[in-house]
N, C-alpha and C. Protein backbone atom coordinates (compact mmCIF):
# COMPACT_ATOMS: atom_id res chain seq x y z
N UNK A 1 90.06 171.89 70.71
CA UNK A 1 91.61 172.72 72.04
C UNK A 1 92.96 172.31 71.81
N UNK A 2 93.65 172.28 71.85
CA UNK A 2 95.26 171.85 71.94
C UNK A 2 95.75 171.50 72.81
N UNK A 3 96.41 170.81 73.94
CA UNK A 3 96.80 170.82 74.94
C UNK A 3 98.46 170.98 75.20
N UNK A 4 98.81 172.24 75.06
CA UNK A 4 100.19 172.87 75.22
C UNK A 4 101.31 172.16 76.71
N UNK A 5 100.23 171.74 77.33
CA UNK A 5 100.65 171.40 78.39
C UNK A 5 102.43 170.32 78.21
N UNK A 6 102.94 170.87 79.01
CA UNK A 6 104.52 169.59 78.40
C UNK A 6 104.42 168.51 79.05
N UNK A 7 104.82 167.20 77.98
CA UNK A 7 105.28 166.05 79.07
C UNK A 7 106.19 165.48 78.99
N UNK A 8 106.09 164.61 79.85
CA UNK A 8 107.37 164.45 80.87
C UNK A 8 107.94 163.24 80.36
N UNK A 9 109.09 162.54 79.92
CA UNK A 9 109.07 161.66 79.57
C UNK A 9 109.48 160.95 80.50
N UNK A 10 109.31 159.72 80.30
CA UNK A 10 109.70 158.78 81.69
C UNK A 10 111.13 157.86 81.86
N UNK A 11 111.35 158.69 83.70
CA UNK A 11 112.51 158.27 84.12
C UNK A 11 113.63 157.18 83.56
N UNK A 12 112.71 156.38 83.34
CA UNK A 12 113.42 154.82 82.74
C UNK A 12 114.07 155.52 80.77
N UNK A 13 114.05 156.27 80.28
CA UNK A 13 113.59 156.73 78.66
C UNK A 13 114.48 157.40 79.27
N UNK A 14 114.76 158.85 79.48
CA UNK A 14 115.17 159.85 79.88
C UNK A 14 116.82 158.68 80.19
N UNK A 15 117.19 158.07 81.46
CA UNK A 15 118.34 156.97 81.30
C UNK A 15 118.62 156.41 80.58
N UNK A 16 117.84 155.86 79.51
CA UNK A 16 118.40 155.46 78.38
C UNK A 16 119.40 156.16 77.41
N UNK A 17 118.64 157.39 77.27
CA UNK A 17 119.04 158.07 76.31
C UNK A 17 119.76 158.97 76.88
N UNK A 18 120.36 159.04 78.00
CA UNK A 18 121.94 159.36 78.97
C UNK A 18 122.77 158.36 78.63
N UNK A 19 122.43 157.17 78.46
CA UNK A 19 123.26 156.26 78.67
C UNK A 19 123.70 155.83 77.13
N UNK A 20 122.96 156.25 75.80
CA UNK A 20 122.95 156.05 74.61
C UNK A 20 123.87 157.46 73.80
N UNK A 21 124.05 158.41 75.15
CA UNK A 21 124.85 159.44 74.24
C UNK A 21 125.97 159.59 75.34
N UNK A 22 125.99 158.48 76.42
CA UNK A 22 127.18 157.61 76.67
C UNK A 22 128.14 157.24 75.95
N UNK A 23 127.41 155.75 75.29
CA UNK A 23 127.56 155.07 75.00
C UNK A 23 128.73 155.50 73.80
N UNK A 24 127.97 157.04 72.96
CA UNK A 24 127.94 157.34 71.45
C UNK A 24 129.97 158.06 71.85
N UNK A 25 130.04 158.82 73.35
CA UNK A 25 131.28 159.97 73.83
C UNK A 25 131.45 158.72 73.79
N UNK A 26 131.60 157.21 74.39
CA UNK A 26 132.76 156.00 74.63
C UNK A 26 133.73 155.79 73.06
N UNK A 27 132.45 155.22 72.26
CA UNK A 27 132.29 154.51 71.05
C UNK A 27 133.54 155.30 70.22
N UNK A 28 133.56 157.32 69.97
CA UNK A 28 134.42 157.43 69.77
C UNK A 28 135.47 158.40 69.76
N UNK A 29 136.10 158.45 71.23
CA UNK A 29 136.66 159.20 72.59
C UNK A 29 137.36 158.10 72.87
N UNK A 30 136.67 156.80 74.04
CA UNK A 30 137.21 156.32 74.62
C UNK A 30 136.56 156.58 76.11
N UNK A 31 137.10 155.99 76.77
CA UNK A 31 136.78 155.92 78.06
C UNK A 31 137.33 157.20 79.29
N UNK A 32 137.85 157.40 78.20
CA UNK A 32 138.86 158.91 78.88
C UNK A 32 137.67 160.34 78.43
N UNK A 33 137.39 159.98 77.53
CA UNK A 33 136.10 161.06 76.90
C UNK A 33 135.10 161.61 77.52
N UNK A 34 134.58 160.29 78.42
CA UNK A 34 133.43 160.21 79.54
C UNK A 34 133.48 160.66 80.92
N UNK A 35 132.48 162.63 80.10
CA UNK A 35 132.89 163.14 81.35
C UNK A 35 131.01 163.52 81.19
N UNK A 36 130.86 163.48 82.39
CA UNK A 36 129.51 164.50 82.96
C UNK A 36 129.32 165.30 81.96
N UNK A 37 130.25 166.55 81.51
CA UNK A 37 130.14 167.13 80.86
C UNK A 37 129.83 167.61 79.05
N UNK A 38 130.58 165.84 78.98
CA UNK A 38 130.56 165.72 77.69
C UNK A 38 129.67 164.87 77.14
N UNK A 39 128.78 163.85 78.17
CA UNK A 39 128.28 163.34 77.90
C UNK A 39 126.45 163.77 77.86
N UNK A 40 126.55 165.24 78.61
CA UNK A 40 125.13 166.09 78.77
C UNK A 40 125.26 166.60 77.17
N UNK A 41 126.95 167.17 77.12
CA UNK A 41 126.69 167.98 75.17
C UNK A 41 126.40 167.50 74.39
N UNK A 42 126.13 166.21 74.62
CA UNK A 42 125.81 164.98 73.29
C UNK A 42 124.26 164.55 73.92
N UNK A 43 123.86 164.99 74.86
CA UNK A 43 122.29 164.48 74.67
C UNK A 43 121.76 166.10 75.39
N UNK A 44 122.48 166.70 75.17
CA UNK A 44 121.26 168.42 74.72
C UNK A 44 120.93 168.49 75.92
N UNK A 45 121.40 168.23 77.27
CA UNK A 45 121.12 168.21 78.33
C UNK A 45 121.94 169.53 79.29
N UNK A 46 121.67 169.82 80.41
CA UNK A 46 122.22 169.92 81.30
C UNK A 46 123.13 169.11 82.47
N UNK A 47 124.02 169.32 82.85
CA UNK A 47 125.16 168.66 83.08
C UNK A 47 124.35 168.06 84.61
N UNK A 48 123.63 168.84 85.14
CA UNK A 48 122.82 167.86 86.45
C UNK A 48 122.02 167.22 85.98
N UNK A 49 121.39 166.79 84.78
CA UNK A 49 120.39 165.85 84.69
C UNK A 49 121.12 164.21 84.04
N UNK A 50 122.35 164.55 84.17
CA UNK A 50 123.57 163.45 84.42
C UNK A 50 124.06 162.95 85.27
N UNK A 51 123.97 164.21 86.51
CA UNK A 51 124.13 163.81 87.63
C UNK A 51 123.20 163.57 88.32
N UNK A 52 121.96 163.60 88.56
CA UNK A 52 120.57 162.88 89.22
C UNK A 52 120.53 161.86 88.23
N UNK A 53 120.60 160.90 87.19
CA UNK A 53 120.85 159.77 87.21
C UNK A 53 121.82 159.00 87.37
N UNK A 54 123.77 159.36 87.11
CA UNK A 54 124.64 158.28 87.21
C UNK A 54 125.78 158.36 88.32
N UNK A 55 124.93 159.92 88.88
CA UNK A 55 126.12 160.54 89.77
C UNK A 55 127.48 161.13 90.09
N UNK A 56 128.09 159.97 88.96
CA UNK A 56 129.57 161.16 88.95
C UNK A 56 129.97 160.00 87.53
N UNK A 57 130.87 160.80 87.07
CA UNK A 57 131.50 159.62 86.00
C UNK A 57 131.63 158.33 85.88
N UNK A 58 132.09 158.20 87.31
CA UNK A 58 132.33 156.37 87.96
C UNK A 58 130.66 155.50 87.60
N UNK A 59 130.06 156.46 87.62
CA UNK A 59 128.16 155.58 87.50
C UNK A 59 128.12 156.01 85.93
N UNK A 60 128.63 156.37 85.57
CA UNK A 60 128.11 156.58 84.12
C UNK A 60 129.59 155.74 83.34
N UNK A 61 130.84 155.92 83.37
CA UNK A 61 131.42 154.19 83.54
C UNK A 61 130.23 151.77 84.01
N UNK A 62 130.25 152.45 85.41
CA UNK A 62 130.22 151.60 85.63
C UNK A 62 128.67 151.63 85.01
N UNK A 63 127.72 151.96 84.40
CA UNK A 63 126.83 152.05 84.25
C UNK A 63 126.42 151.78 82.24
N UNK A 64 128.27 151.86 81.89
CA UNK A 64 128.34 151.82 80.62
C UNK A 64 128.72 149.60 80.20
N UNK A 65 129.58 150.04 81.34
CA UNK A 65 130.37 148.54 81.73
C UNK A 65 129.09 147.82 82.10
N UNK A 66 127.66 147.87 82.49
CA UNK A 66 126.77 147.04 82.38
C UNK A 66 126.02 146.92 80.88
N UNK A 67 126.09 147.47 80.35
CA UNK A 67 125.50 147.34 78.49
C UNK A 67 126.26 146.74 78.37
N UNK A 68 127.74 147.23 77.90
CA UNK A 68 128.97 146.28 77.37
C UNK A 68 128.82 145.03 77.80
N UNK A 69 128.69 143.90 79.07
CA UNK A 69 128.95 143.39 79.56
C UNK A 69 127.33 142.66 78.93
N UNK A 70 126.28 143.06 78.67
CA UNK A 70 125.34 142.39 78.24
C UNK A 70 125.48 142.25 76.99
N UNK A 71 125.79 142.70 76.08
CA UNK A 71 126.31 142.90 74.44
C UNK A 71 127.05 141.57 74.52
N UNK A 72 127.54 141.53 75.07
CA UNK A 72 129.04 140.17 74.69
C UNK A 72 128.27 139.75 75.28
N UNK A 73 127.05 139.04 76.40
CA UNK A 73 126.85 137.91 76.31
C UNK A 73 125.54 137.29 75.63
N UNK A 74 125.31 138.63 74.99
CA UNK A 74 123.71 138.19 73.78
C UNK A 74 124.64 137.65 72.81
N UNK A 75 126.41 138.38 72.80
CA UNK A 75 127.10 137.85 71.90
C UNK A 75 128.07 135.76 71.08
N UNK A 76 127.85 135.73 72.73
CA UNK A 76 128.56 134.59 73.16
C UNK A 76 126.99 134.05 73.15
N UNK A 77 126.13 133.54 73.73
CA UNK A 77 124.98 133.50 74.00
C UNK A 77 124.59 132.77 72.86
N UNK A 78 124.20 131.58 72.54
CA UNK A 78 124.38 130.51 71.52
C UNK A 78 122.97 129.55 72.11
N UNK A 79 122.07 129.16 70.88
CA UNK A 79 121.58 128.11 71.60
C UNK A 79 121.73 126.91 71.31
N UNK A 80 120.84 126.22 72.60
CA UNK A 80 121.79 125.24 72.59
C UNK A 80 121.49 124.22 72.21
N UNK A 81 120.24 124.18 71.37
CA UNK A 81 119.90 122.73 70.18
C UNK A 81 120.51 123.22 68.95
N UNK A 82 121.96 123.77 69.64
CA UNK A 82 123.54 123.61 67.64
C UNK A 82 124.16 122.23 69.10
N UNK A 83 124.73 121.48 68.23
CA UNK A 83 126.47 120.50 68.11
C UNK A 83 126.80 122.16 69.33
N UNK A 84 127.95 120.95 70.43
CA UNK A 84 128.90 121.69 71.42
C UNK A 84 129.46 121.61 70.46
N UNK A 85 129.97 121.55 69.69
CA UNK A 85 131.29 122.45 69.27
C UNK A 85 130.76 123.22 68.46
N UNK A 86 130.07 123.34 67.88
CA UNK A 86 129.34 123.70 66.74
C UNK A 86 128.93 125.44 67.37
N UNK A 87 128.77 124.91 68.31
CA UNK A 87 128.61 126.26 69.36
C UNK A 87 129.16 126.90 70.08
N UNK A 88 130.01 125.93 70.46
CA UNK A 88 131.72 126.62 70.90
C UNK A 88 132.29 127.75 70.07
N UNK A 89 132.22 127.44 69.07
CA UNK A 89 132.88 128.12 68.01
C UNK A 89 132.00 129.08 67.78
N UNK A 90 130.85 128.89 67.70
CA UNK A 90 129.60 130.23 67.49
C UNK A 90 130.01 131.22 68.43
N UNK A 91 130.09 130.90 69.72
CA UNK A 91 130.20 131.28 70.88
C UNK A 91 131.48 132.83 71.13
N UNK A 92 132.65 131.60 70.49
CA UNK A 92 133.69 132.67 70.38
C UNK A 92 133.71 133.41 69.35
N UNK A 93 133.76 133.36 68.34
CA UNK A 93 133.27 134.14 66.59
C UNK A 93 132.94 135.91 67.13
N UNK A 94 131.46 135.26 68.29
CA UNK A 94 130.83 136.42 68.29
C UNK A 94 130.96 136.90 69.64
N UNK A 95 132.27 136.38 70.31
CA UNK A 95 132.96 137.22 71.35
C UNK A 95 134.40 138.29 70.75
N UNK A 96 134.72 137.37 69.34
CA UNK A 96 135.72 138.21 68.60
C UNK A 96 135.24 138.85 67.95
N UNK A 97 133.46 138.62 67.00
CA UNK A 97 133.35 140.58 66.60
C UNK A 97 132.58 141.50 67.34
N UNK A 98 132.33 140.50 68.73
CA UNK A 98 132.16 141.54 69.43
C UNK A 98 132.88 143.16 69.56
N UNK A 99 134.74 142.10 70.19
CA UNK A 99 135.81 143.24 70.52
C UNK A 99 136.23 143.89 68.93
N UNK A 100 136.08 143.26 67.66
CA UNK A 100 136.53 144.35 66.94
C UNK A 100 135.29 144.77 65.68
N UNK A 101 133.82 145.15 66.43
CA UNK A 101 133.26 145.51 65.90
C UNK A 101 132.85 147.23 67.00
N UNK A 102 133.44 147.02 68.65
CA UNK A 102 133.12 148.08 69.59
C UNK A 102 134.29 148.00 70.39
N UNK A 103 135.35 148.40 70.22
CA UNK A 103 136.97 148.58 70.98
C UNK A 103 136.88 149.45 72.11
N UNK A 104 135.97 150.15 72.25
CA UNK A 104 136.59 150.40 73.39
C UNK A 104 135.00 150.29 74.44
N UNK A 105 134.47 149.81 73.87
CA UNK A 105 133.79 148.93 74.90
C UNK A 105 134.03 148.31 75.50
N UNK A 106 135.06 147.24 74.38
CA UNK A 106 135.93 145.41 75.33
C UNK A 106 137.15 146.21 76.15
N UNK A 107 137.59 147.47 75.27
CA UNK A 107 139.11 148.04 76.15
C UNK A 107 137.79 148.47 78.03
N UNK A 108 136.91 149.22 78.09
CA UNK A 108 135.99 149.34 79.70
C UNK A 108 136.34 148.53 80.11
N UNK A 109 135.28 147.47 79.85
CA UNK A 109 135.40 146.24 80.52
C UNK A 109 136.75 145.19 80.44
N UNK A 110 137.63 145.27 79.61
CA UNK A 110 138.80 144.44 79.77
C UNK A 110 140.52 145.27 80.00
N UNK A 111 140.37 146.27 80.66
CA UNK A 111 141.48 147.23 80.81
C UNK A 111 141.82 147.37 81.80
N UNK A 112 142.99 148.22 82.59
CA UNK A 112 142.68 148.52 84.02
C UNK A 112 142.61 149.41 84.01
N UNK A 113 141.85 149.30 85.40
CA UNK A 113 140.97 150.86 85.48
C UNK A 113 139.18 150.47 85.81
N UNK A 114 139.20 149.26 84.84
CA UNK A 114 137.90 148.56 84.60
C UNK A 114 136.62 148.61 85.83
N UNK A 115 135.29 149.07 85.28
CA UNK A 115 135.22 149.31 86.30
C UNK A 115 134.52 147.26 87.15
N UNK A 116 135.22 146.34 86.47
CA UNK A 116 134.84 144.98 86.59
C UNK A 116 136.34 144.88 87.82
N UNK A 117 137.21 145.50 88.03
CA UNK A 117 137.94 145.47 89.05
C UNK A 117 137.16 145.15 90.66
N UNK A 118 136.32 146.13 90.35
CA UNK A 118 135.49 146.38 91.83
C UNK A 118 134.64 144.85 92.37
N UNK A 119 135.85 143.93 92.51
CA UNK A 119 135.14 142.68 92.67
C UNK A 119 133.18 142.26 93.90
N UNK A 120 133.08 143.30 94.61
CA UNK A 120 132.06 143.54 94.62
C UNK A 120 130.72 143.94 94.80
N UNK A 121 131.02 144.77 92.92
CA UNK A 121 129.83 145.77 92.07
C UNK A 121 129.32 144.43 92.02
N UNK A 122 128.40 145.25 91.44
CA UNK A 122 127.07 144.80 90.46
C UNK A 122 127.73 144.30 88.91
N UNK A 123 128.89 145.29 88.47
CA UNK A 123 129.25 145.44 87.24
C UNK A 123 130.66 143.50 87.29
N UNK A 124 131.12 142.97 88.26
CA UNK A 124 131.59 141.90 88.51
C UNK A 124 130.24 141.02 88.66
N UNK A 125 129.79 141.50 88.79
CA UNK A 125 128.52 140.29 89.39
C UNK A 125 128.56 139.50 87.90
N UNK A 126 127.59 141.10 87.35
CA UNK A 126 127.16 141.34 86.02
C UNK A 126 128.28 139.82 84.77
N UNK A 127 129.69 140.35 84.85
CA UNK A 127 130.78 140.16 84.49
C UNK A 127 130.95 138.29 84.66
N UNK A 128 130.52 138.21 85.94
CA UNK A 128 130.47 136.86 86.33
C UNK A 128 129.59 135.74 85.92
N UNK A 129 128.69 136.50 86.05
CA UNK A 129 127.34 136.22 84.99
C UNK A 129 127.25 135.82 83.46
N UNK A 130 128.75 136.50 82.89
CA UNK A 130 128.96 136.62 80.99
C UNK A 130 129.94 134.96 81.50
N UNK A 131 130.67 135.50 82.17
CA UNK A 131 131.83 134.32 82.27
C UNK A 131 130.62 132.83 82.35
N UNK A 132 130.18 132.81 83.12
CA UNK A 132 129.09 131.39 83.40
C UNK A 132 128.77 130.80 82.11
N UNK A 133 128.07 131.96 81.40
CA UNK A 133 127.65 131.23 80.47
C UNK A 133 129.44 130.63 79.47
N UNK A 134 130.31 131.22 79.20
CA UNK A 134 131.62 130.70 79.19
C UNK A 134 131.54 128.70 79.63
N UNK A 135 131.82 129.28 80.72
CA UNK A 135 132.04 127.95 81.34
C UNK A 135 130.69 126.78 80.95
N UNK A 136 129.63 127.00 80.54
CA UNK A 136 128.50 125.93 79.96
C UNK A 136 128.80 125.71 78.69
N UNK A 137 129.45 126.86 77.90
CA UNK A 137 129.89 125.99 76.80
C UNK A 137 131.03 124.79 77.00
N UNK A 138 132.27 124.91 77.63
CA UNK A 138 133.33 124.17 78.05
C UNK A 138 132.70 122.89 78.97
N UNK A 139 131.86 123.57 79.68
CA UNK A 139 130.81 122.28 80.12
C UNK A 139 130.12 121.20 78.74
N UNK A 140 130.15 121.31 77.65
CA UNK A 140 129.16 121.05 76.68
C UNK A 140 130.49 120.05 75.96
N UNK A 141 131.56 120.79 75.94
CA UNK A 141 132.60 120.28 75.29
C UNK A 141 132.82 118.71 76.23
N UNK A 142 133.02 118.83 77.79
CA UNK A 142 133.39 117.22 78.28
C UNK A 142 132.09 117.04 78.54
N UNK A 143 131.40 117.07 78.14
CA UNK A 143 130.71 116.24 78.91
C UNK A 143 130.56 114.73 78.73
N UNK A 144 131.28 114.30 77.16
CA UNK A 144 131.84 112.58 77.12
C UNK A 144 132.30 112.35 77.96
N UNK A 145 132.50 112.95 79.24
CA UNK A 145 133.43 111.28 80.13
C UNK A 145 134.45 112.12 80.39
N UNK A 146 134.98 113.45 79.77
CA UNK A 146 136.22 114.03 79.94
C UNK A 146 136.47 114.39 81.73
N UNK A 147 137.34 114.47 82.50
CA UNK A 147 137.42 114.71 83.44
C UNK A 147 138.13 116.09 83.81
N UNK A 148 137.51 117.31 83.54
CA UNK A 148 138.07 118.61 83.12
C UNK A 148 137.37 119.17 84.08
N UNK A 149 138.40 120.15 84.85
CA UNK A 149 137.12 121.20 85.37
C UNK A 149 136.69 122.18 84.24
N UNK A 150 135.49 123.22 83.96
CA UNK A 150 135.22 123.32 83.67
C UNK A 150 135.45 124.75 83.37
N UNK A 151 135.28 125.38 85.11
CA UNK A 151 135.69 126.65 85.36
C UNK A 151 137.34 126.98 84.70
N UNK A 152 137.95 125.97 85.58
CA UNK A 152 139.69 126.32 84.15
C UNK A 152 139.44 126.26 82.61
N UNK A 153 138.54 124.90 82.28
CA UNK A 153 139.17 125.43 81.46
C UNK A 153 138.26 126.58 80.71
N UNK A 154 137.49 126.93 81.32
CA UNK A 154 136.72 128.64 80.93
C UNK A 154 138.12 129.81 80.83
N UNK A 155 138.46 129.51 81.62
CA UNK A 155 139.41 130.21 82.31
C UNK A 155 141.36 130.50 80.94
N UNK A 156 140.60 129.42 80.44
CA UNK A 156 141.39 128.84 79.98
C UNK A 156 141.68 130.03 78.09
N UNK A 157 139.72 129.19 78.05
CA UNK A 157 139.55 129.55 77.18
C UNK A 157 139.50 130.55 77.00
N UNK A 158 139.26 131.80 78.12
CA UNK A 158 138.90 133.15 78.00
C UNK A 158 140.50 133.68 77.33
N UNK A 159 141.80 133.24 78.66
CA UNK A 159 142.78 133.55 78.08
C UNK A 159 142.97 133.78 76.69
N UNK A 160 143.16 132.43 75.98
CA UNK A 160 143.18 132.71 74.85
C UNK A 160 142.70 133.50 73.77
N UNK A 161 141.20 133.51 74.04
CA UNK A 161 139.89 134.04 72.71
C UNK A 161 140.69 135.99 73.38
N UNK A 162 141.32 136.36 74.88
CA UNK A 162 141.14 138.17 74.37
C UNK A 162 142.56 137.89 73.77
N UNK A 163 143.67 137.05 74.59
CA UNK A 163 145.03 137.52 73.82
C UNK A 163 144.78 137.29 72.40
N UNK A 164 143.90 136.48 71.88
CA UNK A 164 143.92 136.65 70.36
C UNK A 164 143.16 137.80 69.61
N UNK A 165 142.13 138.15 70.28
CA UNK A 165 141.66 139.53 69.88
C UNK A 165 142.44 140.59 70.58
N UNK A 166 143.11 140.63 71.74
CA UNK A 166 144.04 142.22 71.72
C UNK A 166 145.41 141.98 70.43
N UNK A 167 145.55 140.72 70.07
CA UNK A 167 146.63 141.06 69.04
C UNK A 167 145.70 141.38 68.04
N UNK A 168 144.82 140.60 67.24
CA UNK A 168 144.72 141.28 66.53
C UNK A 168 144.29 143.36 66.77
N UNK A 169 143.56 143.62 67.99
CA UNK A 169 143.08 144.48 68.05
C UNK A 169 144.61 145.68 67.56
N UNK A 170 145.31 145.26 68.13
CA UNK A 170 147.08 146.01 68.20
C UNK A 170 147.66 145.90 67.23
N UNK A 171 147.35 145.00 66.20
CA UNK A 171 147.55 144.86 64.99
C UNK A 171 149.27 144.03 65.17
N UNK A 172 149.40 143.50 66.05
CA UNK A 172 150.99 142.36 66.26
C UNK A 172 151.31 141.33 65.61
N UNK A 173 149.84 140.81 64.69
CA UNK A 173 149.68 139.72 64.98
C UNK A 173 151.33 139.03 63.97
N UNK A 174 151.26 137.69 64.20
CA UNK A 174 152.83 137.04 63.47
C UNK A 174 152.21 135.88 62.08
N UNK A 175 151.02 136.54 61.88
CA UNK A 175 150.24 135.00 60.88
C UNK A 175 149.40 136.41 59.75
N UNK A 176 149.12 136.01 58.44
CA UNK A 176 149.45 136.56 58.10
C UNK A 176 147.07 136.91 57.84
N UNK A 177 146.79 136.14 58.12
CA UNK A 177 145.33 135.81 58.18
C UNK A 177 144.88 136.17 60.10
N UNK A 178 144.81 136.66 60.16
CA UNK A 178 143.54 137.05 62.12
C UNK A 178 142.85 136.04 62.40
N UNK A 179 141.61 135.76 60.80
CA UNK A 179 140.92 135.28 61.34
C UNK A 179 140.93 133.48 61.04
N UNK A 180 142.07 132.86 60.30
CA UNK A 180 142.01 131.75 60.15
C UNK A 180 143.00 131.34 61.14
N UNK A 181 143.69 132.14 61.66
CA UNK A 181 144.80 132.17 62.89
C UNK A 181 143.71 131.43 64.58
N UNK A 182 142.46 132.40 64.10
CA UNK A 182 141.64 132.74 65.06
C UNK A 182 141.17 130.85 65.38
N UNK A 183 140.62 130.64 63.83
CA UNK A 183 140.18 129.40 63.92
C UNK A 183 141.07 128.02 64.26
N UNK A 184 142.13 128.38 63.91
CA UNK A 184 143.32 127.85 64.31
C UNK A 184 143.03 127.16 65.70
N UNK A 185 143.10 128.23 66.99
CA UNK A 185 143.39 128.40 67.24
C UNK A 185 141.99 126.92 68.73
N UNK A 186 140.86 127.84 68.03
CA UNK A 186 140.02 127.68 68.59
C UNK A 186 140.04 126.17 67.90
N UNK A 187 140.55 125.68 67.52
CA UNK A 187 140.21 123.56 67.30
C UNK A 187 141.45 123.66 68.09
N UNK A 188 142.87 124.16 68.58
CA UNK A 188 143.34 123.54 69.51
C UNK A 188 142.10 124.01 70.70
N UNK A 189 141.92 124.58 71.00
CA UNK A 189 141.07 124.54 72.50
C UNK A 189 139.99 123.36 72.35
N UNK A 190 139.72 122.84 71.74
CA UNK A 190 138.43 122.40 71.25
C UNK A 190 139.02 120.87 71.17
N UNK A 191 140.19 120.65 71.35
CA UNK A 191 140.68 119.03 71.06
C UNK A 191 140.96 118.91 72.53
N UNK A 192 141.62 119.70 72.97
CA UNK A 192 142.38 119.65 74.56
C UNK A 192 140.84 120.09 75.27
N UNK A 193 140.71 120.87 75.24
CA UNK A 193 139.29 120.64 76.62
C UNK A 193 138.67 119.44 76.11
N UNK A 194 138.05 118.63 74.71
CA UNK A 194 137.91 117.08 74.99
C UNK A 194 138.25 116.43 75.41
N UNK A 195 139.64 116.46 75.69
CA UNK A 195 140.40 115.58 75.55
C UNK A 195 140.74 115.54 77.00
N UNK A 196 140.11 116.63 77.87
CA UNK A 196 140.10 116.49 79.10
C UNK A 196 142.22 117.15 79.89
């Protein structure tokens, strides 16, 4: 006998599928294109299904920002058994690769109007956790006795790396090869941080 009853999809699977659809819309159309209706259309569900999981567009964008921050965190989280300078370089390259590969996700978390702006939100807490990875990378470069504040150092690194990526994405760089310029910048940062 065949069981013809409908099987219900687990709630977390539905949420993940809707978030996947939202990410597809984000990658294709940017944050402005992420609407409840657009995500419902992409997921082939009724808009109420999206509202039930994410409340509204802001809820969708917050969930997408959390996912993007997790991806960025993974991109910069290099194994600790690697020598500190190489670990730092790999992490910074991971950051750049994430930004170049996923420009809409990167823009969602790092442009004006980002869900990160609400410093009391879970999204901002996740952002601080990702920043904490960078602080530890900088601390690894200063462990030889240099008396530098790793939080200030991490902020400087983030500013430089973000600036380099933004210039590259906008295609307004003044050098011939963005990758070579990025490596040169990392060398300057490493020398400066290591010197304290």
